[in-house]
PDB file of N, CA and C in Angstrom:
ATOM      1  N   MET A   1      56.850-157.751  67.856  1.00  0.00           N
ATOM      2  CA  MET A   1      56.630-156.581  68.667  1.00  0.00           C
ATOM      3  C   MET A   1      56.981-156.902  70.108  1.00  0.00           C
ATOM      4  N   ALA A   2      57.852-156.146  70.662  1.00  0.00           N
ATOM      5  CA  ALA A   2      58.285-156.376  72.040  1.00  0.00           C
ATOM      6  C   ALA A   2      57.220-155.877  73.004  1.00  0.00           C
ATOM      7  N   THR A   3      56.992-156.644  74.040  1.00  0.00           N
ATOM      8  CA  THR A   3      56.039-156.259  75.062  1.00  0.00           C
ATOM      9  C   THR A   3      56.692-155.290  76.025  1.00  0.00           C
ATOM     10  N   LYS A   4      56.033-154.193  76.247  1.00  0.00           N
ATOM     11  CA  LYS A   4      56.551-153.206  77.178  1.00  0.00           C
ATOM     12  C   LYS A   4      56.174-153.631  78.598  1.00  0.00           C
ATOM     13  N   ILE A   5      57.164-153.945  79.385  1.00  0.00           N
ATOM     14  CA  ILE A   5      56.918-154.344  80.763  1.00  0.00           C
ATOM     15  C   ILE A   5      57.263-153.167  81.654  1.00  0.00           C
ATOM     16  N   ARG A   6      56.281-152.739  82.402  1.00  0.00           N
ATOM     17  CA  ARG A   6      56.509-151.614  83.286  1.00  0.00           C
ATOM     18  C   ARG A   6      57.125-152.091  84.591  1.00  0.00           C
ATOM     19  N   ARG A   7      57.645-151.155  85.332  1.00  0.00           N
ATOM     20  CA  ARG A   7      58.277-151.479  86.594  1.00  0.00           C
ATOM     21  C   ARG A   7      57.201-151.801  87.627  1.00  0.00           C
ATOM     22  N   VAL A   8      57.275-152.977  88.194  1.00  0.00           N
ATOM     23  CA  VAL A   8      56.336-153.401  89.225  1.00  0.00           C
ATOM     24  C   VAL A   8      57.117-153.817  90.458  1.00  0.00           C
ATOM     25  N   THR A   9      56.423-153.892  91.556  1.00  0.00           N
ATOM     26  CA  THR A   9      57.135-154.105  92.797  1.00  0.00           C
ATOM     27  C   THR A   9      57.054-155.520  93.339  1.00  0.00           C
ATOM     28  N   SER A  10      56.071-156.289  92.941  1.00  0.00           N
ATOM     29  CA  SER A  10      55.946-157.614  93.540  1.00  0.00           C
ATOM     30  C   SER A  10      55.715-158.681  92.476  1.00  0.00           C
ATOM     31  N   GLN A  11      55.966-159.898  92.837  1.00  0.00           N
ATOM     32  CA  GLN A  11      55.745-161.028  91.938  1.00  0.00           C
ATOM     33  C   GLN A  11      54.263-161.161  91.599  1.00  0.00           C
ATOM     34  N   LYS A  12      53.399-160.843  92.551  1.00  0.00           N
ATOM     35  CA  LYS A  12      51.963-160.909  92.331  1.00  0.00           C
ATOM     36  C   LYS A  12      51.539-159.941  91.222  1.00  0.00           C
ATOM     37  N   GLN A  13      52.107-158.739  91.206  1.00  0.00           N
ATOM     38  CA  GLN A  13      51.797-157.762  90.166  1.00  0.00           C
ATOM     39  C   GLN A  13      52.337-158.202  88.807  1.00  0.00           C
ATOM     40  N   ILE A  14      53.497-158.828  88.787  1.00  0.00           N
ATOM     41  CA  ILE A  14      54.070-159.314  87.534  1.00  0.00           C
ATOM     42  C   ILE A  14      53.174-160.387  86.931  1.00  0.00           C
ATOM     43  N   VAL A  15      52.692-161.302  87.754  1.00  0.00           N
ATOM     44  CA  VAL A  15      51.820-162.380  87.281  1.00  0.00           C
ATOM     45  C   VAL A  15      50.515-161.800  86.746  1.00  0.00           C
ATOM     46  N   ARG A  16      49.936-160.818  87.438  1.00  0.00           N
ATOM     47  CA  ARG A  16      48.704-160.193  86.967  1.00  0.00           C
ATOM     48  C   ARG A  16      48.924-159.469  85.650  1.00  0.00           C
ATOM     49  N   PHE A  17      50.057-158.789  85.518  1.00  0.00           N
ATOM     50  CA  PHE A  17      50.351-158.060  84.291  1.00  0.00           C
ATOM     51  C   PHE A  17      50.486-159.011  83.104  1.00  0.00           C
ATOM     52  N   LYS A  18      51.141-160.154  83.300  1.00  0.00           N
ATOM     53  CA  LYS A  18      51.261-161.147  82.227  1.00  0.00           C
ATOM     54  C   LYS A  18      49.894-161.711  81.848  1.00  0.00           C
ATOM     55  N   ARG A  19      49.077-161.980  82.857  1.00  0.00           N
ATOM     56  CA  ARG A  19      47.728-162.493  82.612  1.00  0.00           C
ATOM     57  C   ARG A  19      46.907-161.454  81.845  1.00  0.00           C
ATOM     58  N   LYS A  20      47.064-160.178  82.198  1.00  0.00           N
ATOM     59  CA  LYS A  20      46.360-159.097  81.520  1.00  0.00           C
ATOM     60  C   LYS A  20      46.744-159.034  80.043  1.00  0.00           C
ATOM     61  N   LYS A  21      48.026-159.155  79.743  1.00  0.00           N
ATOM     62  CA  LYS A  21      48.490-159.118  78.352  1.00  0.00           C
ATOM     63  C   LYS A  21      47.935-160.289  77.542  1.00  0.00           C
ATOM     64  N   ARG A  22      47.842-161.469  78.155  1.00  0.00           N
ATOM     65  CA  ARG A  22      47.274-162.633  77.464  1.00  0.00           C
ATOM     66  C   ARG A  22      45.801-162.403  77.135  1.00  0.00           C
ATOM     67  N   ILE A  23      45.079-161.843  78.090  1.00  0.00           N
ATOM     68  CA  ILE A  23      43.655-161.584  77.887  1.00  0.00           C
ATOM     69  C   ILE A  23      43.450-160.537  76.806  1.00  0.00           C
ATOM     70  N   ARG A  24      44.213-159.435  76.872  1.00  0.00           N
ATOM     71  CA  ARG A  24      44.062-158.338  75.912  1.00  0.00           C
ATOM     72  C   ARG A  24      44.457-158.733  74.498  1.00  0.00           C
ATOM     73  N   ALA A  25      45.265-159.776  74.351  1.00  0.00           N
ATOM     74  CA  ALA A  25      45.638-160.234  73.013  1.00  0.00           C
ATOM     75  C   ALA A  25      44.421-160.796  72.284  1.00  0.00           C
ATOM     76  N   ARG A  26      43.439-161.281  73.032  1.00  0.00           N
ATOM     77  CA  ARG A  26      42.251-161.881  72.440  1.00  0.00           C
ATOM     78  C   ARG A  26      41.034-160.950  72.398  1.00  0.00           C
ATOM     79  N   LEU A  27      41.031-159.919  73.218  1.00  0.00           N
ATOM     80  CA  LEU A  27      39.870-159.035  73.302  1.00  0.00           C
ATOM     81  C   LEU A  27      40.099-157.743  72.538  1.00  0.00           C
ATOM     82  N   GLU A  28      39.050-157.283  71.868  1.00  0.00           N
ATOM     83  CA  GLU A  28      39.102-155.965  71.247  1.00  0.00           C
ATOM     84  C   GLU A  28      37.696-155.403  71.242  1.00  0.00           C
ATOM     85  N   GLY A  29      37.580-154.160  71.652  1.00  0.00           N
ATOM     86  CA  GLY A  29      36.292-153.494  71.657  1.00  0.00           C
ATOM     87  C   GLY A  29      36.146-152.631  70.423  1.00  0.00           C
ATOM     88  N   ASN A  30      34.916-152.505  69.931  1.00  0.00           N
ATOM     89  CA  ASN A  30      34.638-151.604  68.817  1.00  0.00           C
ATOM     90  C   ASN A  30      33.420-150.761  69.165  1.00  0.00           C
ATOM     91  N   THR A  31      32.950-149.969  68.231  1.00  0.00           N
ATOM     92  CA  THR A  31      31.858-149.052  68.525  1.00  0.00           C
ATOM     93  C   THR A  31      30.577-149.795  68.877  1.00  0.00           C
ATOM     94  N   GLU A  32      30.282-150.890  68.182  1.00  0.00           N
ATOM     95  CA  GLU A  32      29.060-151.646  68.442  1.00  0.00           C
ATOM     96  C   GLU A  32      29.172-152.465  69.723  1.00  0.00           C
ATOM     97  N   ARG A  33      30.367-152.954  70.015  1.00  0.00           N
ATOM     98  CA  ARG A  33      30.580-153.821  71.178  1.00  0.00           C
ATOM     99  C   ARG A  33      31.873-153.393  71.876  1.00  0.00           C
ATOM    100  N   PRO A  34      31.814-152.345  72.699  1.00  0.00           N
ATOM    101  CA  PRO A  34      33.034-151.844  73.353  1.00  0.00           C
ATOM    102  C   PRO A  34      33.530-152.780  74.449  1.00  0.00           C
ATOM    103  N   ARG A  35      34.754-152.550  74.854  1.00  0.00           N
ATOM    104  CA  ARG A  35      35.403-153.354  75.901  1.00  0.00           C
ATOM    105  C   ARG A  35      35.109-152.726  77.254  1.00  0.00           C
ATOM    106  N   LEU A  36      34.550-153.518  78.175  1.00  0.00           N
ATOM    107  CA  LEU A  36      34.287-153.067  79.538  1.00  0.00           C
ATOM    108  C   LEU A  36      35.519-153.399  80.373  1.00  0.00           C
ATOM    109  N   SER A  37      36.345-152.395  80.609  1.00  0.00           N
ATOM    110  CA  SER A  37      37.610-152.579  81.298  1.00  0.00           C
ATOM    111  C   SER A  37      37.464-152.228  82.773  1.00  0.00           C
ATOM    112  N   VAL A  38      38.000-153.085  83.640  1.00  0.00           N
ATOM    113  CA  VAL A  38      37.901-152.910  85.092  1.00  0.00           C
ATOM    114  C   VAL A  38      39.296-152.726  85.667  1.00  0.00           C
ATOM    115  N   PHE A  39      39.437-151.741  86.553  1.00  0.00           N
ATOM    116  CA  PHE A  39      40.660-151.602  87.345  1.00  0.00           C
ATOM    117  C   PHE A  39      40.238-151.453  88.795  1.00  0.00           C
ATOM    118  N   ARG A  40      40.857-152.225  89.654  1.00  0.00           N
ATOM    119  CA  ARG A  40      40.524-152.106  91.068  1.00  0.00           C
ATOM    120  C   ARG A  40      41.796-151.799  91.851  1.00  0.00           C
ATOM    121  N   SER A  41      41.650-150.892  92.784  1.00  0.00           N
ATOM    122  CA  SER A  41      42.736-150.591  93.702  1.00  0.00           C
ATOM    123  C   SER A  41      42.239-150.905  95.102  1.00  0.00           C
ATOM    124  N   ASN A  42      43.055-150.647  96.092  1.00  0.00           N
ATOM    125  CA  ASN A  42      42.619-150.921  97.450  1.00  0.00           C
ATOM    126  C   ASN A  42      41.505-149.976  97.894  1.00  0.00           C
ATOM    127  N   LYS A  43      41.477-148.766  97.340  1.00  0.00           N
ATOM    128  CA  LYS A  43      40.483-147.776  97.758  1.00  0.00           C
ATOM    129  C   LYS A  43      39.298-147.654  96.805  1.00  0.00           C
ATOM    130  N   HIS A  44      39.515-147.837  95.501  1.00  0.00           N
ATOM    131  CA  HIS A  44      38.470-147.547  94.523  1.00  0.00           C
ATOM    132  C   HIS A  44      38.419-148.594  93.416  1.00  0.00           C
ATOM    133  N   ILE A  45      37.335-148.526  92.651  1.00  0.00           N
ATOM    134  CA  ILE A  45      37.146-149.363  91.467  1.00  0.00           C
ATOM    135  C   ILE A  45      36.836-148.417  90.309  1.00  0.00           C
ATOM    136  N   TYR A  46      37.450-148.666  89.168  1.00  0.00           N
ATOM    137  CA  TYR A  46      37.269-147.831  87.986  1.00  0.00           C
ATOM    138  C   TYR A  46      36.789-148.711  86.837  1.00  0.00           C
ATOM    139  N   VAL A  47      35.817-148.212  86.063  1.00  0.00           N
ATOM    140  CA  VAL A  47      35.257-148.963  84.939  1.00  0.00           C
ATOM    141  C   VAL A  47      35.183-148.041  83.729  1.00  0.00           C
ATOM    142  N   GLN A  48      35.556-148.580  82.561  1.00  0.00           N
ATOM    143  CA  GLN A  48      35.475-147.819  81.318  1.00  0.00           C
ATOM    144  C   GLN A  48      34.915-148.695  80.213  1.00  0.00           C
ATOM    145  N   LEU A  49      34.147-148.100  79.322  1.00  0.00           N
ATOM    146  CA  LEU A  49      33.769-148.746  78.073  1.00  0.00           C
ATOM    147  C   LEU A  49      34.629-148.118  76.989  1.00  0.00           C
ATOM    148  N   VAL A  50      35.468-148.928  76.353  1.00  0.00           N
ATOM    149  CA  VAL A  50      36.490-148.424  75.440  1.00  0.00           C
ATOM    150  C   VAL A  50      36.258-148.958  74.027  1.00  0.00           C
ATOM    151  N   ASP A  51      36.331-148.052  73.052  1.00  0.00           N
ATOM    152  CA  ASP A  51      36.348-148.413  71.637  1.00  0.00           C
ATOM    153  C   ASP A  51      37.815-148.483  71.229  1.00  0.00           C
ATOM    154  N   ASP A  52      38.358-149.686  71.093  1.00  0.00           N
ATOM    155  CA  ASP A  52      39.776-149.863  70.802  1.00  0.00           C
ATOM    156  C   ASP A  52      40.140-149.485  69.370  1.00  0.00           C
ATOM    157  N   VAL A  53      39.183-149.536  68.456  1.00  0.00           N
ATOM    158  CA  VAL A  53      39.459-149.185  67.065  1.00  0.00           C
ATOM    159  C   VAL A  53      39.793-147.691  66.959  1.00  0.00           C
ATOM    160  N   LYS A  54      38.975-146.862  67.599  1.00  0.00           N
ATOM    161  CA  LYS A  54      39.200-145.420  67.582  1.00  0.00           C
ATOM    162  C   LYS A  54      40.112-144.957  68.713  1.00  0.00           C
ATOM    163  N   GLY A  55      40.223-145.752  69.751  1.00  0.00           N
ATOM    164  CA  GLY A  55      41.028-145.359  70.899  1.00  0.00           C
ATOM    165  C   GLY A  55      40.320-144.365  71.799  1.00  0.00           C
ATOM    166  N   HIS A  56      38.981-144.494  71.908  1.00  0.00           N
ATOM    167  CA  HIS A  56      38.194-143.559  72.699  1.00  0.00           C
ATOM    168  C   HIS A  56      37.504-144.279  73.861  1.00  0.00           C
ATOM    169  N   THR A  57      37.373-143.568  74.963  1.00  0.00           N
ATOM    170  CA  THR A  57      36.560-144.040  76.072  1.00  0.00           C
ATOM    171  C   THR A  57      35.151-143.520  75.856  1.00  0.00           C
ATOM    172  N   LEU A  58      34.186-144.422  75.780  1.00  0.00           N
ATOM    173  CA  LEU A  58      32.804-144.039  75.513  1.00  0.00           C
ATOM    174  C   LEU A  58      32.050-143.706  76.801  1.00  0.00           C
ATOM    175  N   VAL A  59      32.247-144.522  77.829  1.00  0.00           N
ATOM    176  CA  VAL A  59      31.579-144.339  79.115  1.00  0.00           C
ATOM    177  C   VAL A  59      32.582-144.664  80.210  1.00  0.00           C
ATOM    178  N   ALA A  60      32.548-143.894  81.284  1.00  0.00           N
ATOM    179  CA  ALA A  60      33.435-144.169  82.416  1.00  0.00           C
ATOM    180  C   ALA A  60      32.678-143.951  83.713  1.00  0.00           C
ATOM    181  N   ALA A  61      33.058-144.712  84.726  1.00  0.00           N
ATOM    182  CA  ALA A  61      32.488-144.546  86.065  1.00  0.00           C
ATOM    183  C   ALA A  61      33.519-145.052  87.060  1.00  0.00           C
ATOM    184  N   SER A  62      33.519-144.456  88.235  1.00  0.00           N
ATOM    185  CA  SER A  62      34.438-144.923  89.273  1.00  0.00           C
ATOM    186  C   SER A  62      33.866-144.615  90.638  1.00  0.00           C
ATOM    187  N   SER A  63      34.347-145.342  91.608  1.00  0.00           N
ATOM    188  CA  SER A  63      33.917-145.109  92.981  1.00  0.00           C
ATOM    189  C   SER A  63      34.594-143.875  93.548  1.00  0.00           C
ATOM    190  N   ALA A  64      35.515-143.255  92.817  1.00  0.00           N
ATOM    191  CA  ALA A  64      36.197-142.040  93.265  1.00  0.00           C
ATOM    192  C   ALA A  64      35.431-140.777  92.883  1.00  0.00           C
ATOM    193  N   GLU A  65      34.337-140.908  92.132  1.00  0.00           N
ATOM    194  CA  GLU A  65      33.533-139.748  91.761  1.00  0.00           C
ATOM    195  C   GLU A  65      32.932-139.124  93.012  1.00  0.00           C
ATOM    196  N   GLU A  66      32.763-137.815  92.976  1.00  0.00           N
ATOM    197  CA  GLU A  66      32.267-137.087  94.156  1.00  0.00           C
ATOM    198  C   GLU A  66      30.919-137.610  94.641  1.00  0.00           C
ATOM    199  N   ALA A  67      30.024-137.948  93.711  1.00  0.00           N
ATOM    200  CA  ALA A  67      28.693-138.416  94.101  1.00  0.00           C
ATOM    201  C   ALA A  67      28.732-139.782  94.787  1.00  0.00           C
ATOM    202  N   LEU A  68      29.727-140.594  94.465  1.00  0.00           N
ATOM    203  CA  LEU A  68      29.796-141.951  95.000  1.00  0.00           C
ATOM    204  C   LEU A  68      30.855-142.137  96.082  1.00  0.00           C
ATOM    205  N   LYS A  69      31.704-141.162  96.247  1.00  0.00           N
ATOM    206  CA  LYS A  69      32.871-141.313  97.108  1.00  0.00           C
ATOM    207  C   LYS A  69      32.515-141.740  98.536  1.00  0.00           C
ATOM    208  N   GLU A  70      31.491-141.099  99.112  1.00  0.00           N
ATOM    209  CA  GLU A  70      31.131-141.409 100.490  1.00  0.00           C
ATOM    210  C   GLU A  70      30.286-142.674 100.587  1.00  0.00           C
ATOM    211  N   LYS A  71      29.450-142.926  99.566  1.00  0.00           N
ATOM    212  CA  LYS A  71      28.524-144.052  99.618  1.00  0.00           C
ATOM    213  C   LYS A  71      29.221-145.388  99.398  1.00  0.00           C
ATOM    214  N   VAL A  72      29.992-145.469  98.326  1.00  0.00           N
ATOM    215  CA  VAL A  72      30.629-146.734  97.960  1.00  0.00           C
ATOM    216  C   VAL A  72      32.119-146.628  98.199  1.00  0.00           C
ATOM    217  N   GLY A  73      32.784-147.683  97.991  1.00  0.00           N
ATOM    218  CA  GLY A  73      34.228-147.704  98.099  1.00  0.00           C
ATOM    219  C   GLY A  73      34.707-148.885  97.303  1.00  0.00           C
ATOM    220  N   SER A  74      35.719-149.498  97.780  1.00  0.00           N
ATOM    221  CA  SER A  74      36.227-150.670  97.090  1.00  0.00           C
ATOM    222  C   SER A  74      35.725-151.914  97.799  1.00  0.00           C
ATOM    223  N   SER A  75      34.399-152.030  97.866  1.00  0.00           N
ATOM    224  CA  SER A  75      33.778-153.194  98.492  1.00  0.00           C
ATOM    225  C   SER A  75      32.888-153.889  97.472  1.00  0.00           C
ATOM    226  N   ILE A  76      32.359-155.019  97.837  1.00  0.00           N
ATOM    227  CA  ILE A  76      31.464-155.751  96.939  1.00  0.00           C
ATOM    228  C   ILE A  76      30.196-154.940  96.702  1.00  0.00           C
ATOM    229  N   GLU A  77      29.673-154.314  97.748  1.00  0.00           N
ATOM    230  CA  GLU A  77      28.484-153.471  97.585  1.00  0.00           C
ATOM    231  C   GLU A  77      28.778-152.274  96.676  1.00  0.00           C
ATOM    232  N   GLY A  78      29.952-151.698  96.830  1.00  0.00           N
ATOM    233  CA  GLY A  78      30.354-150.596  95.964  1.00  0.00           C
ATOM    234  C   GLY A  78      30.482-151.036  94.517  1.00  0.00           C
ATOM    235  N   ALA A  79      30.988-152.247  94.301  1.00  0.00           N
ATOM    236  CA  ALA A  79      31.122-152.782  92.947  1.00  0.00           C
ATOM    237  C   ALA A  79      29.757-152.998  92.307  1.00  0.00           C
ATOM    238  N   LYS A  80      28.786-153.453  93.109  1.00  0.00           N
ATOM    239  CA  LYS A  80      27.432-153.632  92.580  1.00  0.00           C
ATOM    240  C   LYS A  80      26.827-152.290  92.167  1.00  0.00           C
ATOM    241  N   THR A  81      26.999-151.288  93.007  1.00  0.00           N
ATOM    242  CA  THR A  81      26.490-149.954  92.692  1.00  0.00           C
ATOM    243  C   THR A  81      27.138-149.409  91.424  1.00  0.00           C
ATOM    244  N   LEU A  82      28.438-149.618  91.313  1.00  0.00           N
ATOM    245  CA  LEU A  82      29.176-149.140  90.146  1.00  0.00           C
ATOM    246  C   LEU A  82      28.764-149.886  88.881  1.00  0.00           C
ATOM    247  N   GLY A  83      28.502-151.188  88.990  1.00  0.00           N
ATOM    248  CA  GLY A  83      28.028-151.962  87.844  1.00  0.00           C
ATOM    249  C   GLY A  83      26.695-151.462  87.326  1.00  0.00           C
ATOM    250  N   ASN A  84      25.775-151.156  88.249  1.00  0.00           N
ATOM    251  CA  ASN A  84      24.481-150.601  87.842  1.00  0.00           C
ATOM    252  C   ASN A  84      24.645-149.233  87.197  1.00  0.00           C
ATOM    253  N   LEU A  85      25.537-148.411  87.755  1.00  0.00           N
ATOM    254  CA  LEU A  85      25.753-147.064  87.226  1.00  0.00           C
ATOM    255  C   LEU A  85      26.325-147.097  85.809  1.00  0.00           C
ATOM    256  N   VAL A  86      27.320-147.953  85.586  1.00  0.00           N
ATOM    257  CA  VAL A  86      27.920-148.018  84.248  1.00  0.00           C
ATOM    258  C   VAL A  86      26.920-148.589  83.247  1.00  0.00           C
ATOM    259  N   ALA A  87      26.046-149.496  83.682  1.00  0.00           N
ATOM    260  CA  ALA A  87      25.021-150.033  82.787  1.00  0.00           C
ATOM    261  C   ALA A  87      24.022-148.936  82.396  1.00  0.00           C
ATOM    262  N   LYS A  88      23.629-148.098  83.355  1.00  0.00           N
ATOM    263  CA  LYS A  88      22.709-146.994  83.047  1.00  0.00           C
ATOM    264  C   LYS A  88      23.343-146.010  82.069  1.00  0.00           C
ATOM    265  N   ARG A  89      24.604-145.668  82.303  1.00  0.00           N
ATOM    266  CA  ARG A  89      25.293-144.727  81.415  1.00  0.00           C
ATOM    267  C   ARG A  89      25.474-145.305  80.021  1.00  0.00           C
ATOM    268  N   ALA A  90      25.723-146.616  79.937  1.00  0.00           N
ATOM    269  CA  ALA A  90      25.872-147.265  78.632  1.00  0.00           C
ATOM    270  C   ALA A  90      24.540-147.301  77.896  1.00  0.00           C
ATOM    271  N   MET A  91      23.471-147.613  78.619  1.00  0.00           N
ATOM    272  CA  MET A  91      22.148-147.655  77.994  1.00  0.00           C
ATOM    273  C   MET A  91      21.744-146.271  77.481  1.00  0.00           C
ATOM    274  N   ALA A  92      22.154-145.226  78.184  1.00  0.00           N
ATOM    275  CA  ALA A  92      21.850-143.868  77.735  1.00  0.00           C
ATOM    276  C   ALA A  92      22.529-143.554  76.405  1.00  0.00           C
ATOM    277  N   LYS A  93      23.650-144.224  76.125  1.00  0.00           N
ATOM    278  CA  LYS A  93      24.353-144.032  74.846  1.00  0.00           C
ATOM    279  C   LYS A  93      24.048-145.152  73.849  1.00  0.00           C
ATOM    280  N   ASN A  94      22.986-145.905  74.106  1.00  0.00           N
ATOM    281  CA  ASN A  94      22.524-146.994  73.230  1.00  0.00           C
ATOM    282  C   ASN A  94      23.560-148.102  73.080  1.00  0.00           C
ATOM    283  N   ILE A  95      24.269-148.416  74.135  1.00  0.00           N
ATOM    284  CA  ILE A  95      25.221-149.527  74.140  1.00  0.00           C
ATOM    285  C   ILE A  95      24.602-150.646  74.964  1.00  0.00           C
ATOM    286  N   THR A  96      24.383-151.800  74.319  1.00  0.00           N
ATOM    287  CA  THR A  96      23.778-152.925  75.032  1.00  0.00           C
ATOM    288  C   THR A  96      24.715-154.122  75.140  1.00  0.00           C
ATOM    289  N   GLN A  97      25.639-154.259  74.208  1.00  0.00           N
ATOM    290  CA  GLN A  97      26.554-155.397  74.229  1.00  0.00           C
ATOM    291  C   GLN A  97      27.975-154.919  74.448  1.00  0.00           C
ATOM    292  N   VAL A  98      28.698-155.635  75.304  1.00  0.00           N
ATOM    293  CA  VAL A  98      30.078-155.293  75.612  1.00  0.00           C
ATOM    294  C   VAL A  98      30.923-156.555  75.663  1.00  0.00           C
ATOM    295  N   VAL A  99      32.238-156.373  75.632  1.00  0.00           N
ATOM    296  CA  VAL A  99      33.198-157.443  75.841  1.00  0.00           C
ATOM    297  C   VAL A  99      33.825-157.177  77.202  1.00  0.00           C
ATOM    298  N   PHE A 100      33.792-158.150  78.107  1.00  0.00           N
ATOM    299  CA  PHE A 100      34.266-157.936  79.467  1.00  0.00           C
ATOM    300  C   PHE A 100      35.766-158.192  79.563  1.00  0.00           C
ATOM    301  N   ASP A 101      36.494-157.179  80.026  1.00  0.00           N
ATOM    302  CA  ASP A 101      37.939-157.265  80.224  1.00  0.00           C
ATOM    303  C   ASP A 101      38.206-157.126  81.716  1.00  0.00           C
ATOM    304  N   ARG A 102      38.576-158.217  82.357  1.00  0.00           N
ATOM    305  CA  ARG A 102      38.800-158.205  83.802  1.00  0.00           C
ATOM    306  C   ARG A 102      40.204-157.749  84.169  1.00  0.00           C
ATOM    307  N   SER A 103      41.020-157.416  83.191  1.00  0.00           N
ATOM    308  CA  SER A 103      42.365-156.849  83.381  1.00  0.00           C
ATOM    309  C   SER A 103      43.293-157.720  84.209  1.00  0.00           C
ATOM    310  N   GLY A 104      43.180-158.994  84.064  1.00  0.00           N
ATOM    311  CA  GLY A 104      44.085-159.899  84.761  1.00  0.00           C
ATOM    312  C   GLY A 104      43.637-160.268  86.164  1.00  0.00           C
ATOM    313  N   TYR A 105      42.567-159.646  86.657  1.00  0.00           N
ATOM    314  CA  TYR A 105      42.056-159.994  87.982  1.00  0.00           C
ATOM    315  C   TYR A 105      41.241-161.271  87.881  1.00  0.00           C
ATOM    316  N   LEU A 106      41.223-162.039  88.937  1.00  0.00           N
ATOM    317  CA  LEU A 106      40.420-163.244  88.962  1.00  0.00           C
ATOM    318  C   LEU A 106      38.942-162.863  88.981  1.00  0.00           C
ATOM    319  N   TYR A 107      38.121-163.668  88.317  1.00  0.00           N
ATOM    320  CA  TYR A 107      36.681-163.399  88.262  1.00  0.00           C
ATOM    321  C   TYR A 107      36.073-163.867  89.578  1.00  0.00           C
ATOM    322  N   HIS A 108      36.215-163.011  90.585  1.00  0.00           N
ATOM    323  CA  HIS A 108      35.803-163.361  91.933  1.00  0.00           C
ATOM    324  C   HIS A 108      35.656-162.074  92.734  1.00  0.00           C
ATOM    325  N   GLY A 109      34.796-162.057  93.703  1.00  0.00           N
ATOM    326  CA  GLY A 109      34.680-160.918  94.603  1.00  0.00           C
ATOM    327  C   GLY A 109      34.159-159.670  93.925  1.00  0.00           C
ATOM    328  N   ARG A 110      34.930-158.585  94.012  1.00  0.00           N
ATOM    329  CA  ARG A 110      34.496-157.289  93.489  1.00  0.00           C
ATOM    330  C   ARG A 110      34.308-157.299  91.980  1.00  0.00           C
ATOM    331  N   VAL A 111      35.190-157.994  91.265  1.00  0.00           N
ATOM    332  CA  VAL A 111      35.095-158.047  89.801  1.00  0.00           C
ATOM    333  C   VAL A 111      33.829-158.792  89.387  1.00  0.00           C
ATOM    334  N   LYS A 112      33.546-159.895  90.045  1.00  0.00           N
ATOM    335  CA  LYS A 112      32.345-160.677  89.738  1.00  0.00           C
ATOM    336  C   LYS A 112      31.084-159.897  90.100  1.00  0.00           C
ATOM    337  N   ALA A 113      31.092-159.217  91.235  1.00  0.00           N
ATOM    338  CA  ALA A 113      29.933-158.431  91.657  1.00  0.00           C
ATOM    339  C   ALA A 113      29.647-157.311  90.659  1.00  0.00           C
ATOM    340  N   LEU A 114      30.683-156.662  90.172  1.00  0.00           N
ATOM    341  CA  LEU A 114      30.519-155.596  89.187  1.00  0.00           C
ATOM    342  C   LEU A 114      29.938-156.146  87.888  1.00  0.00           C
ATOM    343  N   ALA A 115      30.457-157.274  87.430  1.00  0.00           N
ATOM    344  CA  ALA A 115      29.976-157.878  86.183  1.00  0.00           C
ATOM    345  C   ALA A 115      28.518-158.314  86.310  1.00  0.00           C
ATOM    346  N   ASP A 116      28.163-158.926  87.429  1.00  0.00           N
ATOM    347  CA  ASP A 116      26.783-159.374  87.628  1.00  0.00           C
ATOM    348  C   ASP A 116      25.820-158.189  87.685  1.00  0.00           C
ATOM    349  N   ALA A 117      26.226-157.118  88.352  1.00  0.00           N
ATOM    350  CA  ALA A 117      25.373-155.929  88.441  1.00  0.00           C
ATOM    351  C   ALA A 117      25.220-155.266  87.076  1.00  0.00           C
ATOM    352  N   ALA A 118      26.264-155.260  86.268  1.00  0.00           N
ATOM    353  CA  ALA A 118      26.176-154.690  84.925  1.00  0.00           C
ATOM    354  C   ALA A 118      25.233-155.527  84.065  1.00  0.00           C
ATOM    355  N   ARG A 119      25.266-156.842  84.228  1.00  0.00           N
ATOM    356  CA  ARG A 119      24.330-157.711  83.503  1.00  0.00           C
ATOM    357  C   ARG A 119      22.898-157.439  83.943  1.00  0.00           C
ATOM    358  N   GLU A 120      22.694-157.288  85.244  1.00  0.00           N
ATOM    359  CA  GLU A 120      21.340-156.999  85.752  1.00  0.00           C
ATOM    360  C   GLU A 120      20.860-155.634  85.252  1.00  0.00           C
ATOM    361  N   GLY A 121      21.794-154.713  85.039  1.00  0.00           N
ATOM    362  CA  GLY A 121      21.449-153.388  84.524  1.00  0.00           C
ATOM    363  C   GLY A 121      21.092-153.378  83.048  1.00  0.00           C
ATOM    364  N   GLY A 122      21.330-154.495  82.346  1.00  0.00           N
ATOM    365  CA  GLY A 122      20.931-154.596  80.959  1.00  0.00           C
ATOM    366  C   GLY A 122      22.042-154.823  79.963  1.00  0.00           C
ATOM    367  N   LEU A 123      23.293-154.821  80.403  1.00  0.00           N
ATOM    368  CA  LEU A 123      24.401-155.081  79.469  1.00  0.00           C
ATOM    369  C   LEU A 123      24.499-156.575  79.180  1.00  0.00           C
ATOM    370  N   LYS A 124      24.867-156.916  77.953  1.00  0.00           N
ATOM    371  CA  LYS A 124      25.016-158.317  77.557  1.00  0.00           C
ATOM    372  C   LYS A 124      26.465-158.578  77.233  1.00  0.00           C
ATOM    373  N   PHE A 125      27.049-159.596  77.886  1.00  0.00           N
ATOM    374  CA  PHE A 125      28.409-160.044  77.572  1.00  0.00           C
ATOM    375  C   PHE A 125      28.599-161.460  77.999  1.00  0.00           C
TER     376      PHE A 125
END
């Protein structure tokens, strides 16, 4: 199966995309243990709990939501708030265990803060 490589603009993005593909080859989320996928941009952070078997998003949260837009952003504090929010939404749907997908980002800074806050909120991974 050929890997679909999208058009990217920098070498840094190419390296992250390759790292993401390596990680995703080993991770798969299901209904009992969905994949906690993180995407970060310069302005916002987006988080989804995905059931890869069915191809459905079970829970989603982002710093771009109207309720959070002014309070948080793409900062470490915003990532902590978002981690707690996604943990609350997951617990409301009886999801306690997840597989963490950092999407090729290094486990540092905003990604680490989000993961730690989700763990404090009750998610296990």
